[in-house]
Amino acid sequence: AALSGVFSSLQYGLVTVGKLAANATEVPGVPDERFDALGCWMGLFGVSAVGCTLLVWAAVSVWEASRGRRAPGLQWRVMAVPGAGAGIFWSIANLFGTLAVLRGGNAVVIAQINAFSLIVSGLWGLLWYREIRGRPAAYWVVAACFTLAMTMLLGLEKGK
């Protein structure tokens, strides 16, 4: 979780630095070049994720083979629909998160993304898994409403 936070911050920090650098480099006689949030680096991220996953799988397979055990399966039936769906939806969310950061800035948008992710995952646990009921569920709803209100107020503060 800590590394996820660090890498997420690095990603959006690099996006912000890239945008600032692209806007600061005006060369006379050269057409204006804008930072492309939908550029090839998004595709490179996906290809790299697949490559790293296959590399780890290959390393584990070699390790297991050296011990005389069977290599782990790729679980194609599991990964075909649910795995691909999760990856596609995560990628879309990441793309829209990046576009939101470019528009609203790191300080506000990252806090809003994290707050909404927390609320949605809590709702999923409350409604689908029924993890809590009764009075604790009511307390959770109050806390979620408070979080939502504060997140919206933070967004309004940015507009000033």
Protein backbone atom coordinates (compact mmCIF):
# COMPACT_ATOMS: atom_id res chain seq x y z
CA ALA A 1 0.00 0.00 0.00
CA ALA A 2 2.83 2.39 0.83
CA LEU A 3 4.57 1.72 -2.48
CA SER A 4 1.28 2.18 -4.29
CA GLY A 5 0.94 5.63 -2.74
CA VAL A 6 4.53 6.53 -3.55
CA PHE A 7 4.27 5.44 -7.17
CA SER A 8 0.89 7.14 -7.60
CA SER A 9 2.34 10.38 -6.28
CA LEU A 10 5.33 10.01 -8.56
CA GLN A 11 3.10 9.40 -11.56
CA TYR A 12 0.99 12.49 -11.03
CA GLY A 13 4.02 14.51 -10.00
CA LEU A 14 5.70 13.62 -13.29
CA VAL A 15 2.54 14.52 -15.18
CA THR A 16 2.51 17.94 -13.52
CA VAL A 17 6.22 18.51 -14.16
CA GLY A 18 5.79 17.40 -17.79
CA LYS A 19 2.94 19.83 -18.27
CA LEU A 20 4.91 22.69 -16.72
CA ALA A 21 8.01 21.87 -18.77
CA ALA A 22 6.02 21.69 -22.01
CA ASN A 23 4.42 25.06 -21.32
CA ALA A 24 7.74 26.69 -20.36
CA THR A 25 9.64 25.76 -23.51
CA GLU A 26 8.44 28.25 -26.09
CA VAL A 27 10.81 28.49 -29.03
CA PRO A 28 10.32 31.31 -31.55
CA GLY A 29 9.24 30.01 -34.94
CA VAL A 30 8.35 26.54 -33.60
CA PRO A 31 4.67 25.62 -33.28
CA ASP A 32 3.34 25.44 -29.74
CA GLU A 33 3.80 21.95 -28.34
CA ARG A 34 1.37 20.89 -25.64
CA PHE A 35 1.75 18.14 -23.08
CA ASP A 36 -0.17 15.11 -24.32
CA ALA A 37 -1.87 13.36 -21.39
CA LEU A 38 -3.10 10.69 -23.75
CA GLY A 39 0.34 10.16 -25.21
CA CYS A 40 2.32 7.02 -25.76
CA TRP A 41 3.44 6.83 -22.12
CA MET A 42 -0.03 5.51 -21.17
CA GLY A 43 0.34 2.67 -23.66
CA LEU A 44 3.91 2.07 -22.53
CA PHE A 45 2.64 1.73 -18.96
CA GLY A 46 0.24 -1.04 -20.00
CA VAL A 47 2.82 -2.88 -22.09
CA SER A 48 5.33 -2.59 -19.23
CA ALA A 49 2.82 -3.98 -16.74
CA VAL A 50 2.20 -7.01 -18.96
CA GLY A 51 5.93 -7.46 -19.51
CA CYS A 52 6.75 -7.25 -15.80
CA THR A 53 3.98 -9.71 -14.96
CA LEU A 54 5.25 -12.20 -17.52
CA LEU A 55 8.82 -11.71 -16.30
CA VAL A 56 7.81 -12.46 -12.69
CA TRP A 57 5.80 -15.48 -13.86
CA ALA A 58 8.81 -16.77 -15.83
CA ALA A 59 11.13 -16.27 -12.83
CA VAL A 60 8.72 -18.14 -10.53
CA SER A 61 8.38 -20.89 -13.14
CA VAL A 62 12.16 -21.31 -13.34
CA TRP A 63 12.38 -21.32 -9.53
CA GLU A 64 9.68 -23.98 -9.24
CA ALA A 65 11.26 -26.08 -12.02
CA SER A 66 14.64 -25.96 -10.24
CA ARG A 67 12.91 -27.40 -7.17
CA GLY A 68 11.31 -30.17 -9.21
CA ARG A 69 7.82 -28.70 -8.89
CA ARG A 70 5.28 -27.75 -11.52
CA ALA A 71 5.25 -24.16 -12.81
CA PRO A 72 2.25 -22.03 -11.81
CA GLY A 73 -0.53 -21.88 -14.39
CA LEU A 74 -1.54 -18.65 -16.08
CA GLN A 75 -5.22 -19.18 -15.15
CA TRP A 76 -6.58 -18.12 -18.55
CA ARG A 77 -10.22 -18.86 -17.65
CA VAL A 78 -9.98 -16.66 -14.58
CA MET A 79 -8.08 -13.88 -16.32
CA ALA A 80 -10.00 -13.80 -19.61
CA VAL A 81 -13.12 -11.92 -18.56
CA PRO A 82 -12.79 -10.80 -14.91
CA GLY A 83 -9.07 -10.04 -15.13
CA ALA A 84 -9.31 -8.21 -18.44
CA GLY A 85 -12.39 -6.33 -17.22
CA ALA A 86 -10.63 -5.23 -14.04
CA GLY A 87 -7.59 -4.12 -16.03
CA ILE A 88 -9.64 -2.21 -18.57
CA PHE A 89 -11.72 -0.40 -15.95
CA TRP A 90 -8.62 0.41 -13.90
CA SER A 91 -6.91 1.79 -17.01
CA ILE A 92 -9.91 3.96 -17.84
CA ALA A 93 -10.02 5.25 -14.25
CA ASN A 94 -6.29 5.97 -14.36
CA LEU A 95 -6.68 7.85 -17.64
CA PHE A 96 -9.52 10.00 -16.31
CA GLY A 97 -7.61 10.54 -13.06
CA THR A 98 -4.64 11.82 -15.04
CA LEU A 99 -6.85 14.15 -17.06
CA ALA A 100 -8.45 15.41 -13.83
CA VAL A 101 -5.03 16.09 -12.30
CA LEU A 102 -4.02 18.06 -15.38
CA ARG A 103 -7.14 20.17 -15.06
CA GLY A 104 -7.45 20.58 -11.29
CA GLY A 105 -3.92 20.06 -9.98
CA ASN A 106 -2.39 17.52 -7.64
CA ALA A 107 -3.34 19.05 -4.31
CA VAL A 108 -7.10 18.90 -4.82
CA VAL A 109 -7.71 16.14 -7.32
CA ILE A 110 -5.59 13.44 -5.66
CA ALA A 111 -7.42 14.06 -2.38
CA GLN A 112 -10.76 13.86 -4.19
CA ILE A 113 -9.83 10.64 -6.01
CA ASN A 114 -8.70 9.02 -2.76
CA ALA A 115 -11.80 10.15 -0.87
CA PHE A 116 -14.18 8.89 -3.54
CA SER A 117 -12.28 5.60 -3.78
CA LEU A 118 -12.62 5.19 -0.03
CA ILE A 119 -16.34 5.94 -0.13
CA VAL A 120 -17.03 3.61 -3.06
CA SER A 121 -15.07 0.72 -1.55
CA GLY A 122 -16.86 1.27 1.76
CA LEU A 123 -20.23 1.28 -0.01
CA TRP A 124 -19.27 -1.94 -1.76
CA GLY A 125 -18.48 -3.54 1.60
CA LEU A 126 -21.65 -2.16 3.14
CA LEU A 127 -24.11 -3.03 0.38
CA TRP A 128 -22.64 -6.07 -1.38
CA TYR A 129 -20.73 -7.88 1.36
CA ARG A 130 -22.88 -6.59 4.24
CA GLU A 131 -19.81 -6.26 6.44
CA ILE A 132 -21.56 -4.04 8.99
CA ARG A 133 -25.18 -3.51 9.93
CA GLY A 134 -27.28 -1.48 12.30
CA ARG A 135 -25.76 1.38 14.25
CA PRO A 136 -22.18 0.92 12.92
CA ALA A 137 -23.56 1.13 9.36
CA ALA A 138 -25.36 4.36 10.24
CA TYR A 139 -22.14 5.78 11.69
CA TRP A 140 -20.33 4.80 8.49
CA VAL A 141 -22.95 6.61 6.37
CA VAL A 142 -22.54 9.76 8.48
CA ALA A 143 -18.74 9.56 8.14
CA ALA A 144 -19.03 9.00 4.38
CA CYS A 145 -21.36 12.00 4.01
CA PHE A 146 -18.92 14.13 6.02
CA THR A 147 -16.03 12.97 3.82
CA LEU A 148 -18.05 13.70 0.68
CA ALA A 149 -18.97 17.20 1.92
CA MET A 150 -15.38 18.03 2.84
CA THR A 151 -14.15 16.77 -0.54
CA MET A 152 -16.65 18.95 -2.35
CA LEU A 153 -15.68 21.97 -0.21
CA LEU A 154 -12.03 21.33 -1.05
CA GLY A 155 -12.90 21.44 -4.74
CA LEU A 156 -14.71 24.75 -4.25
CA GLU A 157 -11.69 26.15 -2.42
CA LYS A 158 -9.52 25.47 -5.46
CA GLY A 159 -11.81 27.63 -7.60
CA LYS A 160 -11.07 30.74 -5.52
